[in-house]
C-alpha atoms as a PDB file:
ATOM      1  CA  UNK A   1     -84.815 -99.084  33.886  1.00  0.00           C
ATOM      2  CA  UNK A   2     -84.668 -99.329  37.705  1.00  0.00           C
ATOM      3  CA  UNK A   3     -87.519-101.401  39.158  1.00  0.00           C
ATOM      4  CA  UNK A   4     -88.639 -98.596  41.475  1.00  0.00           C
ATOM      5  CA  UNK A   5     -89.877 -96.631  38.472  1.00  0.00           C
ATOM      6  CA  UNK A   6     -92.693 -99.175  38.170  1.00  0.00           C
ATOM      7  CA  UNK A   7     -93.955 -98.058  41.587  1.00  0.00           C
ATOM      8  CA  UNK A   8     -97.672 -97.088  41.534  1.00  0.00           C
ATOM      9  CA  UNK A   9     -96.820 -93.412  42.031  1.00  0.00           C
ATOM     10  CA  UNK A  10     -95.275 -93.435  38.545  1.00  0.00           C
ATOM     11  CA  UNK A  11     -98.307 -95.026  36.898  1.00  0.00           C
ATOM     12  CA  UNK A  12     -99.914 -91.677  35.895  1.00  0.00           C
ATOM     13  CA  UNK A  13     -96.703 -90.727  34.050  1.00  0.00           C
ATOM     14  CA  UNK A  14     -96.607 -94.081  32.266  1.00  0.00           C
ATOM     15  CA  UNK A  15    -100.296 -93.712  31.389  1.00  0.00           C
ATOM     16  CA  UNK A  16     -99.734 -90.219  29.990  1.00  0.00           C
ATOM     17  CA  UNK A  17     -96.838 -91.333  27.805  1.00  0.00           C
ATOM     18  CA  UNK A  18     -98.780 -94.411  26.704  1.00  0.00           C
ATOM     19  CA  UNK A  19    -101.691 -92.248  25.568  1.00  0.00           C
ATOM     20  CA  UNK A  20     -99.379 -89.845  23.761  1.00  0.00           C
ATOM     21  CA  UNK A  21     -97.663 -92.716  22.000  1.00  0.00           C
ATOM     22  CA  UNK A  22    -101.021 -94.076  20.827  1.00  0.00           C
ATOM     23  CA  UNK A  23    -102.086 -90.643  19.538  1.00  0.00           C
ATOM     24  CA  UNK A  24     -99.125 -90.664  17.131  1.00  0.00           C
ATOM     25  CA  UNK A  25    -101.028 -93.169  14.970  1.00  0.00           C
ATOM     26  CA  UNK A  26    -103.986 -90.823  14.459  1.00  0.00           C
ATOM     27  CA  UNK A  27    -104.308 -88.776  11.253  1.00  0.00           C
ATOM     28  CA  UNK A  28    -102.666 -85.372  11.523  1.00  0.00           C
ATOM     29  CA  UNK A  29    -106.004 -83.518  11.240  1.00  0.00           C
ATOM     30  CA  UNK A  30    -107.393 -85.543  14.149  1.00  0.00           C
ATOM     31  CA  UNK A  31    -104.332 -84.687  16.229  1.00  0.00           C
ATOM     32  CA  UNK A  32    -104.878 -80.989  15.567  1.00  0.00           C
ATOM     33  CA  UNK A  33    -108.514 -81.286  16.660  1.00  0.00           C
ATOM     34  CA  UNK A  34    -107.606 -83.139  19.851  1.00  0.00           C
ATOM     35  CA  UNK A  35    -104.798 -80.704  20.624  1.00  0.00           C
ATOM     36  CA  UNK A  36    -107.097 -77.699  20.321  1.00  0.00           C
ATOM     37  CA  UNK A  37    -109.571 -79.376  22.670  1.00  0.00           C
ATOM     38  CA  UNK A  38    -106.822 -80.122  25.164  1.00  0.00           C
ATOM     39  CA  UNK A  39    -105.740 -76.494  24.980  1.00  0.00           C
ATOM     40  CA  UNK A  40    -109.247 -75.277  25.762  1.00  0.00           C
ATOM     41  CA  UNK A  41    -109.302 -77.574  28.791  1.00  0.00           C
ATOM     42  CA  UNK A  42    -105.946 -76.219  29.958  1.00  0.00           C
ATOM     43  CA  UNK A  43    -107.163 -72.632  29.598  1.00  0.00           C
ATOM     44  CA  UNK A  44    -110.241 -73.289  31.714  1.00  0.00           C
ATOM     45  CA  UNK A  45    -108.500 -75.474  34.303  1.00  0.00           C
ATOM     46  CA  UNK A  46    -105.435 -73.273  34.852  1.00  0.00           C
ATOM     47  CA  UNK A  47    -106.436 -69.728  35.866  1.00  0.00           C
ATOM     48  CA  UNK A  48    -102.866 -68.906  36.898  1.00  0.00           C
ATOM     49  CA  UNK A  49    -101.432 -69.769  33.472  1.00  0.00           C
ATOM     50  CA  UNK A  50    -104.317 -67.986  31.790  1.00  0.00           C
ATOM     51  CA  UNK A  51    -103.594 -64.854  33.808  1.00  0.00           C
ATOM     52  CA  UNK A  52     -99.871 -65.030  32.989  1.00  0.00           C
ATOM     53  CA  UNK A  53    -100.666 -65.335  29.278  1.00  0.00           C
ATOM     54  CA  UNK A  54    -103.021 -62.329  29.459  1.00  0.00           C
ATOM     55  CA  UNK A  55    -100.439 -60.228  31.279  1.00  0.00           C
ATOM     56  CA  UNK A  56     -97.653 -61.138  28.858  1.00  0.00           C
ATOM     57  CA  UNK A  57     -99.737 -60.474  25.759  1.00  0.00           C
ATOM     58  CA  UNK A  58    -101.052 -57.158  27.137  1.00  0.00           C
ATOM     59  CA  UNK A  59     -97.518 -56.047  27.888  1.00  0.00           C
ATOM     60  CA  UNK A  60     -95.812 -57.225  24.698  1.00  0.00           C
ATOM     61  CA  UNK A  61     -98.549 -56.543  22.143  1.00  0.00           C
ATOM     62  CA  UNK A  62    -100.280 -53.370  23.401  1.00  0.00           C
ATOM     63  CA  UNK A  63    -101.327 -52.471  19.850  1.00  0.00           C
ATOM     64  CA  UNK A  64    -104.014 -55.176  20.140  1.00  0.00           C
ATOM     65  CA  UNK A  65    -107.296 -54.064  21.683  1.00  0.00           C
ATOM     66  CA  UNK A  66    -108.829 -56.017  24.587  1.00  0.00           C
ATOM     67  CA  UNK A  67    -110.935 -58.237  22.318  1.00  0.00           C
ATOM     68  CA  UNK A  68    -107.978 -59.126  20.082  1.00  0.00           C
ATOM     69  CA  UNK A  69    -105.907 -59.943  23.151  1.00  0.00           C
ATOM     70  CA  UNK A  70    -108.597 -62.299  24.475  1.00  0.00           C
ATOM     71  CA  UNK A  71    -108.772 -64.048  21.108  1.00  0.00           C
ATOM     72  CA  UNK A  72    -104.990 -64.399  21.087  1.00  0.00           C
ATOM     73  CA  UNK A  73    -105.057 -65.949  24.573  1.00  0.00           C
ATOM     74  CA  UNK A  74    -107.527 -68.571  23.328  1.00  0.00           C
ATOM     75  CA  UNK A  75    -105.402 -69.278  20.261  1.00  0.00           C
ATOM     76  CA  UNK A  76    -102.333 -69.554  22.450  1.00  0.00           C
ATOM     77  CA  UNK A  77    -103.903 -72.249  24.597  1.00  0.00           C
ATOM     78  CA  UNK A  78    -104.965 -74.136  21.474  1.00  0.00           C
ATOM     79  CA  UNK A  79    -101.305 -73.989  20.403  1.00  0.00           C
ATOM     80  CA  UNK A  80    -100.221 -75.117  23.859  1.00  0.00           C
ATOM     81  CA  UNK A  81    -102.513 -78.141  23.669  1.00  0.00           C
ATOM     82  CA  UNK A  82    -101.122 -78.993  20.251  1.00  0.00           C
ATOM     83  CA  UNK A  83     -97.596 -78.873  21.656  1.00  0.00           C
ATOM     84  CA  UNK A  84     -98.226 -81.921  23.851  1.00  0.00           C
ATOM     85  CA  UNK A  85     -99.304 -83.992  20.860  1.00  0.00           C
ATOM     86  CA  UNK A  86     -96.452 -82.632  18.741  1.00  0.00           C
ATOM     87  CA  UNK A  87     -93.994 -83.701  21.419  1.00  0.00           C
ATOM     88  CA  UNK A  88     -95.351 -87.229  20.990  1.00  0.00           C
ATOM     89  CA  UNK A  89     -94.894 -86.918  17.225  1.00  0.00           C
ATOM     90  CA  UNK A  90     -91.327 -85.708  17.724  1.00  0.00           C
ATOM     91  CA  UNK A  91     -90.542 -88.652  19.994  1.00  0.00           C
ATOM     92  CA  UNK A  92     -92.325 -91.501  18.200  1.00  0.00           C
ATOM     93  CA  UNK A  93     -93.792 -90.662  14.776  1.00  0.00           C
ATOM     94  CA  UNK A  94     -91.979 -92.428  11.892  1.00  0.00           C
ATOM     95  CA  UNK A  95     -89.409 -90.081  10.389  1.00  0.00           C
ATOM     96  CA  UNK A  96     -90.691 -90.537   6.843  1.00  0.00           C
ATOM     97  CA  UNK A  97     -94.136 -89.319   7.896  1.00  0.00           C
ATOM     98  CA  UNK A  98     -92.684 -86.394   9.864  1.00  0.00           C
ATOM     99  CA  UNK A  99     -90.663 -85.298   6.845  1.00  0.00           C
ATOM    100  CA  UNK A 100     -93.845 -84.846   4.803  1.00  0.00           C
ATOM    101  CA  UNK A 101     -95.154 -82.309   7.335  1.00  0.00           C
ATOM    102  CA  UNK A 102     -92.431 -79.660   7.019  1.00  0.00           C
ATOM    103  CA  UNK A 103     -91.278 -77.132   4.463  1.00  0.00           C
ATOM    104  CA  UNK A 104     -88.054 -75.181   4.911  1.00  0.00           C
ATOM    105  CA  UNK A 105     -87.434 -71.474   4.449  1.00  0.00           C
ATOM    106  CA  UNK A 106     -83.795 -70.337   4.415  1.00  0.00           C
ATOM    107  CA  UNK A 107     -82.224 -73.768   4.061  1.00  0.00           C
ATOM    108  CA  UNK A 108     -79.308 -72.152   2.252  1.00  0.00           C
ATOM    109  CA  UNK A 109     -78.447 -70.325   5.495  1.00  0.00           C
ATOM    110  CA  UNK A 110     -78.077 -73.628   7.322  1.00  0.00           C
ATOM    111  CA  UNK A 111     -75.984 -75.166   4.553  1.00  0.00           C
ATOM    112  CA  UNK A 112     -73.687 -72.129   4.515  1.00  0.00           C
ATOM    113  CA  UNK A 113     -73.148 -72.402   8.274  1.00  0.00           C
ATOM    114  CA  UNK A 114     -72.473 -76.144   8.147  1.00  0.00           C
ATOM    115  CA  UNK A 115     -70.021 -75.667   5.269  1.00  0.00           C
ATOM    116  CA  UNK A 116     -67.749 -73.679   7.602  1.00  0.00           C
ATOM    117  CA  UNK A 117     -67.156 -76.896   9.603  1.00  0.00           C
ATOM    118  CA  UNK A 118     -66.570 -74.890  12.781  1.00  0.00           C
ATOM    119  CA  UNK A 119     -69.402 -76.183  14.902  1.00  0.00           C
ATOM    120  CA  UNK A 120     -72.672 -74.291  15.191  1.00  0.00           C
ATOM    121  CA  UNK A 121     -74.974 -72.920  17.876  1.00  0.00           C
ATOM    122  CA  UNK A 122     -78.500 -73.566  16.577  1.00  0.00           C
ATOM    123  CA  UNK A 123     -80.499 -70.977  18.457  1.00  0.00           C
ATOM    124  CA  UNK A 124     -84.244 -71.307  18.902  1.00  0.00           C
ATOM    125  CA  UNK A 125     -86.800 -70.249  21.523  1.00  0.00           C
ATOM    126  CA  UNK A 126     -89.663 -71.544  23.624  1.00  0.00           C
ATOM    127  CA  UNK A 127     -92.413 -71.582  21.070  1.00  0.00           C
ATOM    128  CA  UNK A 128     -95.055 -74.255  21.460  1.00  0.00           C
ATOM    129  CA  UNK A 129     -93.396 -75.921  18.445  1.00  0.00           C
ATOM    130  CA  UNK A 130     -90.041 -76.280  20.224  1.00  0.00           C
ATOM    131  CA  UNK A 131     -89.806 -80.079  20.308  1.00  0.00           C
ATOM    132  CA  UNK A 132     -90.997 -80.752  16.794  1.00  0.00           C
ATOM    133  CA  UNK A 133     -88.803 -77.929  15.477  1.00  0.00           C
ATOM    134  CA  UNK A 134     -85.742 -79.727  16.820  1.00  0.00           C
ATOM    135  CA  UNK A 135     -86.848 -82.865  14.995  1.00  0.00           C
ATOM    136  CA  UNK A 136     -87.173 -80.938  11.739  1.00  0.00           C
ATOM    137  CA  UNK A 137     -83.722 -79.339  11.992  1.00  0.00           C
ATOM    138  CA  UNK A 138     -82.295 -82.820  12.533  1.00  0.00           C
ATOM    139  CA  UNK A 139     -83.370 -83.799   9.011  1.00  0.00           C
ATOM    140  CA  UNK A 140     -80.658 -81.441   7.748  1.00  0.00           C
ATOM    141  CA  UNK A 141     -78.194 -81.805  10.657  1.00  0.00           C
ATOM    142  CA  UNK A 142     -77.727 -85.552  11.202  1.00  0.00           C
ATOM    143  CA  UNK A 143     -75.209 -85.122  14.012  1.00  0.00           C
ATOM    144  CA  UNK A 144     -76.663 -82.889  16.705  1.00  0.00           C
ATOM    145  CA  UNK A 145     -76.430 -82.312  20.446  1.00  0.00           C
ATOM    146  CA  UNK A 146     -79.322 -80.734  22.373  1.00  0.00           C
ATOM    147  CA  UNK A 147     -79.405 -78.654  25.551  1.00  0.00           C
ATOM    148  CA  UNK A 148     -82.364 -79.421  27.793  1.00  0.00           C
ATOM    149  CA  UNK A 149     -83.744 -78.435  31.180  1.00  0.00           C
ATOM    150  CA  UNK A 150     -83.716 -81.434  33.568  1.00  0.00           C
ATOM    151  CA  UNK A 151     -87.026 -82.268  35.218  1.00  0.00           C
ATOM    152  CA  UNK A 152     -87.197 -82.796  38.973  1.00  0.00           C
ATOM    153  CA  UNK A 153     -89.348 -85.909  38.440  1.00  0.00           C
ATOM    154  CA  UNK A 154     -86.812 -88.649  37.743  1.00  0.00           C
ATOM    155  CA  UNK A 155     -88.995 -90.787  35.475  1.00  0.00           C
ATOM    156  CA  UNK A 156     -90.286 -87.836  33.478  1.00  0.00           C
ATOM    157  CA  UNK A 157     -86.734 -86.555  33.098  1.00  0.00           C
ATOM    158  CA  UNK A 158     -85.594 -89.937  31.758  1.00  0.00           C
ATOM    159  CA  UNK A 159     -88.442 -90.142  29.250  1.00  0.00           C
ATOM    160  CA  UNK A 160     -87.931 -86.567  28.020  1.00  0.00           C
ATOM    161  CA  UNK A 161     -84.191 -87.079  27.696  1.00  0.00           C
ATOM    162  CA  UNK A 162     -84.741 -90.252  25.678  1.00  0.00           C
ATOM    163  CA  UNK A 163     -87.176 -88.406  23.454  1.00  0.00           C
ATOM    164  CA  UNK A 164     -84.646 -85.657  22.783  1.00  0.00           C
ATOM    165  CA  UNK A 165     -81.986 -88.266  22.089  1.00  0.00           C
ATOM    166  CA  UNK A 166     -84.072 -89.616  19.238  1.00  0.00           C
ATOM    167  CA  UNK A 167     -82.813 -86.663  17.224  1.00  0.00           C
ATOM    168  CA  UNK A 168     -79.817 -85.615  19.294  1.00  0.00           C
ATOM    169  CA  UNK A 169     -76.752 -87.767  19.661  1.00  0.00           C
ATOM    170  CA  UNK A 170     -76.538 -86.391  23.190  1.00  0.00           C
ATOM    171  CA  UNK A 171     -78.853 -84.398  25.474  1.00  0.00           C
ATOM    172  CA  UNK A 172     -76.906 -82.008  27.731  1.00  0.00           C
ATOM    173  CA  UNK A 173     -78.332 -80.453  30.900  1.00  0.00           C
ATOM    174  CA  UNK A 174     -78.465 -76.672  30.541  1.00  0.00           C
ATOM    175  CA  UNK A 175     -76.233 -76.100  33.595  1.00  0.00           C
ATOM    176  CA  UNK A 176     -73.460 -78.321  32.155  1.00  0.00           C
ATOM    177  CA  UNK A 177     -71.623 -75.498  30.394  1.00  0.00           C
ATOM    178  CA  UNK A 178     -68.410 -77.489  30.143  1.00  0.00           C
ATOM    179  CA  UNK A 179     -70.106 -80.222  28.092  1.00  0.00           C
ATOM    180  CA  UNK A 180     -71.853 -77.671  25.870  1.00  0.00           C
ATOM    181  CA  UNK A 181     -68.526 -76.015  25.117  1.00  0.00           C
ATOM    182  CA  UNK A 182     -66.862 -79.363  24.469  1.00  0.00           C
ATOM    183  CA  UNK A 183     -69.523 -80.253  21.904  1.00  0.00           C
ATOM    184  CA  UNK A 184     -69.106 -76.903  20.154  1.00  0.00           C
ATOM    185  CA  UNK A 185     -65.312 -77.157  20.163  1.00  0.00           C
ATOM    186  CA  UNK A 186     -65.641 -80.679  18.751  1.00  0.00           C
ATOM    187  CA  UNK A 187     -67.530 -79.046  15.846  1.00  0.00           C
ATOM    188  CA  UNK A 188     -70.850 -80.635  16.744  1.00  0.00           C
ATOM    189  CA  UNK A 189     -73.921 -78.413  16.189  1.00  0.00           C
ATOM    190  CA  UNK A 190     -75.805 -77.727  19.427  1.00  0.00           C
ATOM    191  CA  UNK A 191     -79.556 -77.031  19.596  1.00  0.00           C
ATOM    192  CA  UNK A 192     -80.162 -74.385  22.266  1.00  0.00           C
ATOM    193  CA  UNK A 193     -83.197 -72.397  23.502  1.00  0.00           C
ATOM    194  CA  UNK A 194     -82.101 -69.790  26.086  1.00  0.00           C
ATOM    195  CA  UNK A 195     -85.103 -67.438  26.196  1.00  0.00           C
ATOM    196  CA  UNK A 196     -86.845 -68.451  29.433  1.00  0.00           C
ATOM    197  CA  UNK A 197     -86.380 -66.368  32.574  1.00  0.00           C
ATOM    198  CA  UNK A 198     -83.055 -66.916  34.344  1.00  0.00           C
ATOM    199  CA  UNK A 199     -81.404 -65.394  37.371  1.00  0.00           C
ATOM    200  CA  UNK A 200     -77.764 -65.730  38.327  1.00  0.00           C
ATOM    201  CA  UNK A 201     -74.269 -64.498  37.620  1.00  0.00           C
ATOM    202  CA  UNK A 202     -74.680 -64.793  33.830  1.00  0.00           C
ATOM    203  CA  UNK A 203     -78.075 -63.124  33.592  1.00  0.00           C
ATOM    204  CA  UNK A 204     -79.207 -59.545  33.099  1.00  0.00           C
ATOM    205  CA  UNK A 205     -82.440 -57.601  32.759  1.00  0.00           C
ATOM    206  CA  UNK A 206     -82.838 -57.418  28.983  1.00  0.00           C
ATOM    207  CA  UNK A 207     -85.511 -55.498  27.099  1.00  0.00           C
ATOM    208  CA  UNK A 208     -88.155 -57.832  25.651  1.00  0.00           C
ATOM    209  CA  UNK A 209     -90.859 -55.973  23.725  1.00  0.00           C
ATOM    210  CA  UNK A 210     -89.740 -52.866  25.617  1.00  0.00           C
ATOM    211  CA  UNK A 211     -89.895 -54.331  29.130  1.00  0.00           C
ATOM    212  CA  UNK A 212     -86.988 -55.692  31.210  1.00  0.00           C
ATOM    213  CA  UNK A 213     -86.963 -59.472  31.566  1.00  0.00           C
ATOM    214  CA  UNK A 214     -84.423 -61.657  33.424  1.00  0.00           C
ATOM    215  CA  UNK A 215     -82.408 -63.308  30.650  1.00  0.00           C
ATOM    216  CA  UNK A 216     -79.267 -65.385  30.420  1.00  0.00           C
ATOM    217  CA  UNK A 217     -76.382 -63.847  28.479  1.00  0.00           C
ATOM    218  CA  UNK A 218     -74.902 -67.311  27.952  1.00  0.00           C
ATOM    219  CA  UNK A 219     -75.421 -67.337  24.176  1.00  0.00           C
ATOM    220  CA  UNK A 220     -72.913 -64.529  23.717  1.00  0.00           C
ATOM    221  CA  UNK A 221     -70.477 -66.121  26.162  1.00  0.00           C
ATOM    222  CA  UNK A 222     -70.749 -69.568  24.554  1.00  0.00           C
ATOM    223  CA  UNK A 223     -70.164 -68.103  21.095  1.00  0.00           C
ATOM    224  CA  UNK A 224     -67.119 -66.193  22.310  1.00  0.00           C
ATOM    225  CA  UNK A 225     -65.610 -69.134  24.205  1.00  0.00           C
ATOM    226  CA  UNK A 226     -66.138 -71.615  21.365  1.00  0.00           C
ATOM    227  CA  UNK A 227     -65.687 -69.415  18.297  1.00  0.00           C
ATOM    228  CA  UNK A 228     -68.710 -70.941  16.537  1.00  0.00           C
ATOM    229  CA  UNK A 229     -71.323 -69.073  14.484  1.00  0.00           C
ATOM    230  CA  UNK A 230     -74.861 -68.602  15.800  1.00  0.00           C
ATOM    231  CA  UNK A 231     -77.800 -69.502  13.552  1.00  0.00           C
ATOM    232  CA  UNK A 232     -81.391 -68.751  14.674  1.00  0.00           C
ATOM    233  CA  UNK A 233     -84.195 -71.081  13.583  1.00  0.00           C
ATOM    234  CA  UNK A 234     -87.891 -71.312  14.467  1.00  0.00           C
ATOM    235  CA  UNK A 235     -90.738 -73.693  13.622  1.00  0.00           C
ATOM    236  CA  UNK A 236     -94.256 -72.413  12.948  1.00  0.00           C
ATOM    237  CA  UNK A 237     -97.515 -74.225  12.279  1.00  0.00           C
ATOM    238  CA  UNK A 238     -99.189 -73.534   8.957  1.00  0.00           C
ATOM    239  CA  UNK A 239    -102.957 -73.001   8.743  1.00  0.00           C
ATOM    240  CA  UNK A 240    -105.366 -75.586   7.405  1.00  0.00           C
ATOM    241  CA  UNK A 241    -103.596 -78.715   8.680  1.00  0.00           C
ATOM    242  CA  UNK A 242    -100.808 -78.078   6.160  1.00  0.00           C
ATOM    243  CA  UNK A 243     -98.017 -78.927   8.588  1.00  0.00           C
ATOM    244  CA  UNK A 244     -95.125 -76.631   9.466  1.00  0.00           C
ATOM    245  CA  UNK A 245     -92.582 -74.184   8.118  1.00  0.00           C
ATOM    246  CA  UNK A 246     -89.076 -74.129   9.573  1.00  0.00           C
ATOM    247  CA  UNK A 247     -87.656 -70.607   9.326  1.00  0.00           C
ATOM    248  CA  UNK A 248     -83.851 -70.586   9.222  1.00  0.00           C
ATOM    249  CA  UNK A 249     -82.325 -67.135   9.569  1.00  0.00           C
ATOM    250  CA  UNK A 250     -78.860 -66.103   8.334  1.00  0.00           C
ATOM    251  CA  UNK A 251     -75.901 -66.504  10.673  1.00  0.00           C
ATOM    252  CA  UNK A 252     -75.596 -63.548  13.022  1.00  0.00           C
ATOM    253  CA  UNK A 253     -72.940 -61.259  11.555  1.00  0.00           C
ATOM    254  CA  UNK A 254     -70.296 -59.751  13.863  1.00  0.00           C
ATOM    255  CA  UNK A 255     -71.503 -61.889  16.754  1.00  0.00           C
ATOM    256  CA  UNK A 256     -70.523 -61.917  19.542  1.00  0.00           C
ATOM    257  CA  UNK A 257     -69.354 -58.426  20.393  1.00  0.00           C
ATOM    258  CA  UNK A 258     -67.483 -57.401  23.529  1.00  0.00           C
ATOM    259  CA  UNK A 259     -70.793 -56.700  25.283  1.00  0.00           C
ATOM    260  CA  UNK A 260     -72.879 -59.783  26.241  1.00  0.00           C
ATOM    261  CA  UNK A 261     -75.815 -57.579  27.275  1.00  0.00           C
ATOM    262  CA  UNK A 262     -75.921 -55.805  23.904  1.00  0.00           C
ATOM    263  CA  UNK A 263     -75.632 -59.179  22.173  1.00  0.00           C
ATOM    264  CA  UNK A 264     -78.589 -60.517  24.133  1.00  0.00           C
ATOM    265  CA  UNK A 265     -80.621 -57.408  23.295  1.00  0.00           C
ATOM    266  CA  UNK A 266     -79.909 -58.191  19.647  1.00  0.00           C
ATOM    267  CA  UNK A 267     -81.099 -61.774  20.078  1.00  0.00           C
ATOM    268  CA  UNK A 268     -84.350 -60.499  21.570  1.00  0.00           C
ATOM    269  CA  UNK A 269     -84.970 -58.366  18.482  1.00  0.00           C
ATOM    270  CA  UNK A 270     -84.624 -61.495  16.320  1.00  0.00           C
ATOM    271  CA  UNK A 271     -87.014 -63.345  18.623  1.00  0.00           C
ATOM    272  CA  UNK A 272     -89.564 -60.522  18.612  1.00  0.00           C
ATOM    273  CA  UNK A 273     -89.600 -60.547  14.813  1.00  0.00           C
ATOM    274  CA  UNK A 274     -90.386 -64.259  14.779  1.00  0.00           C
ATOM    275  CA  UNK A 275     -93.073 -63.926  17.462  1.00  0.00           C
ATOM    276  CA  UNK A 276     -94.890 -61.402  15.270  1.00  0.00           C
ATOM    277  CA  UNK A 277     -94.981 -63.992  12.475  1.00  0.00           C
ATOM    278  CA  UNK A 278     -97.003 -66.412  14.618  1.00  0.00           C
ATOM    279  CA  UNK A 279     -97.885 -64.676  17.900  1.00  0.00           C
ATOM    280  CA  UNK A 280    -100.212 -67.375  19.223  1.00  0.00           C
ATOM    281  CA  UNK A 281     -97.424 -69.954  19.049  1.00  0.00           C
ATOM    282  CA  UNK A 282     -95.032 -68.321  21.528  1.00  0.00           C
ATOM    283  CA  UNK A 283     -95.109 -69.634  25.112  1.00  0.00           C
ATOM    284  CA  UNK A 284     -97.011 -66.702  26.614  1.00  0.00           C
ATOM    285  CA  UNK A 285     -98.172 -68.828  29.564  1.00  0.00           C
ATOM    286  CA  UNK A 286     -94.585 -68.971  30.866  1.00  0.00           C
ATOM    287  CA  UNK A 287     -93.874 -66.323  33.530  1.00  0.00           C
ATOM    288  CA  UNK A 288     -91.264 -64.598  31.384  1.00  0.00           C
ATOM    289  CA  UNK A 289     -91.038 -61.331  33.291  1.00  0.00           C
ATOM    290  CA  UNK A 290     -91.399 -62.655  36.873  1.00  0.00           C
ATOM    291  CA  UNK A 291     -92.310 -59.174  38.148  1.00  0.00           C
ATOM    292  CA  UNK A 292     -95.454 -57.456  36.863  1.00  0.00           C
ATOM    293  CA  UNK A 293     -96.001 -53.683  37.234  1.00  0.00           C
ATOM    294  CA  UNK A 294     -98.901 -53.053  39.629  1.00  0.00           C
ATOM    295  CA  UNK A 295    -100.846 -50.938  37.159  1.00  0.00           C
ATOM    296  CA  UNK A 296    -100.680 -53.525  34.396  1.00  0.00           C
ATOM    297  CA  UNK A 297    -101.701 -56.330  36.751  1.00  0.00           C
ATOM    298  CA  UNK A 298    -104.712 -54.301  37.884  1.00  0.00           C
ATOM    299  CA  UNK A 299    -105.733 -53.618  34.292  1.00  0.00           C
ATOM    300  CA  UNK A 300    -105.582 -57.296  33.376  1.00  0.00           C
ATOM    301  CA  UNK A 301    -107.489 -58.274  36.501  1.00  0.00           C
ATOM    302  CA  UNK A 302    -110.238 -55.916  35.326  1.00  0.00           C
ATOM    303  CA  UNK A 303    -110.152 -57.428  31.826  1.00  0.00           C
ATOM    304  CA  UNK A 304    -110.564 -60.915  33.280  1.00  0.00           C
ATOM    305  CA  UNK A 305    -114.169 -60.040  34.078  1.00  0.00           C
ATOM    306  CA  UNK A 306    -114.791 -60.283  30.326  1.00  0.00           C
ATOM    307  CA  UNK A 307    -115.078 -63.698  28.616  1.00  0.00           C
ATOM    308  CA  UNK A 308    -111.622 -65.057  27.812  1.00  0.00           C
END
């Protein structure tokens, strides 16, 4: 590693990763307790993220009353705190120990897709279990490439990329479409999470829980250009320190169509179904919609006067 990355300005990053690596050796129940505490700290210390989570939950789950929404915000931040510790587990926990933490649902769907030997787009989303979910899918897909979002901090980017490459033979930057297509055409499964807000030539305003959200249509275009099937999968935490379930859905039939926007709408319906299975575990604190209707923002501002 270049010597300049030992500069004092990088010491906080090294300290953070050192602490996370040490936490891997704690019992799983202790990790869950620490993660929940970290999440509470994040909720209190980050009013902007807390407000974003409240707005997103109010918009997407209006059937919940104000009290239920506040409880869900708290649970979400607990899940967010857990995600930091789970990232450490994904990067450094012994594989044999990790394997004991997961049960699979729909494994036959994955085996059917792999049996086609055509390559595979393994589609997931930005749940707080994203990193550890990729580790779990790797148990059944030994050869795997992963798409990731590069970090502007050079050292952090290097460490995250190395962590992803523990399970992925190669980590590909999300803007490197040529390399993603090459992997798919070489019949290598690619792990891909396209659900965060995007703007650009290959994006559109797609309905998400009934509201337009800026979304990339790249999944449809990648599937069409490569000819590979698309298989959604999602990881969810189980209650009572029981570990995780990896939900593997069937391959998307008749996908892609001639309409990338309609295809992306369809993907959002799959995602919404999974969010309802474990609503606190979706990344509500991400600014998914970018633009908030004035009336909704005012309503949430009023709700913030209540404990949350």
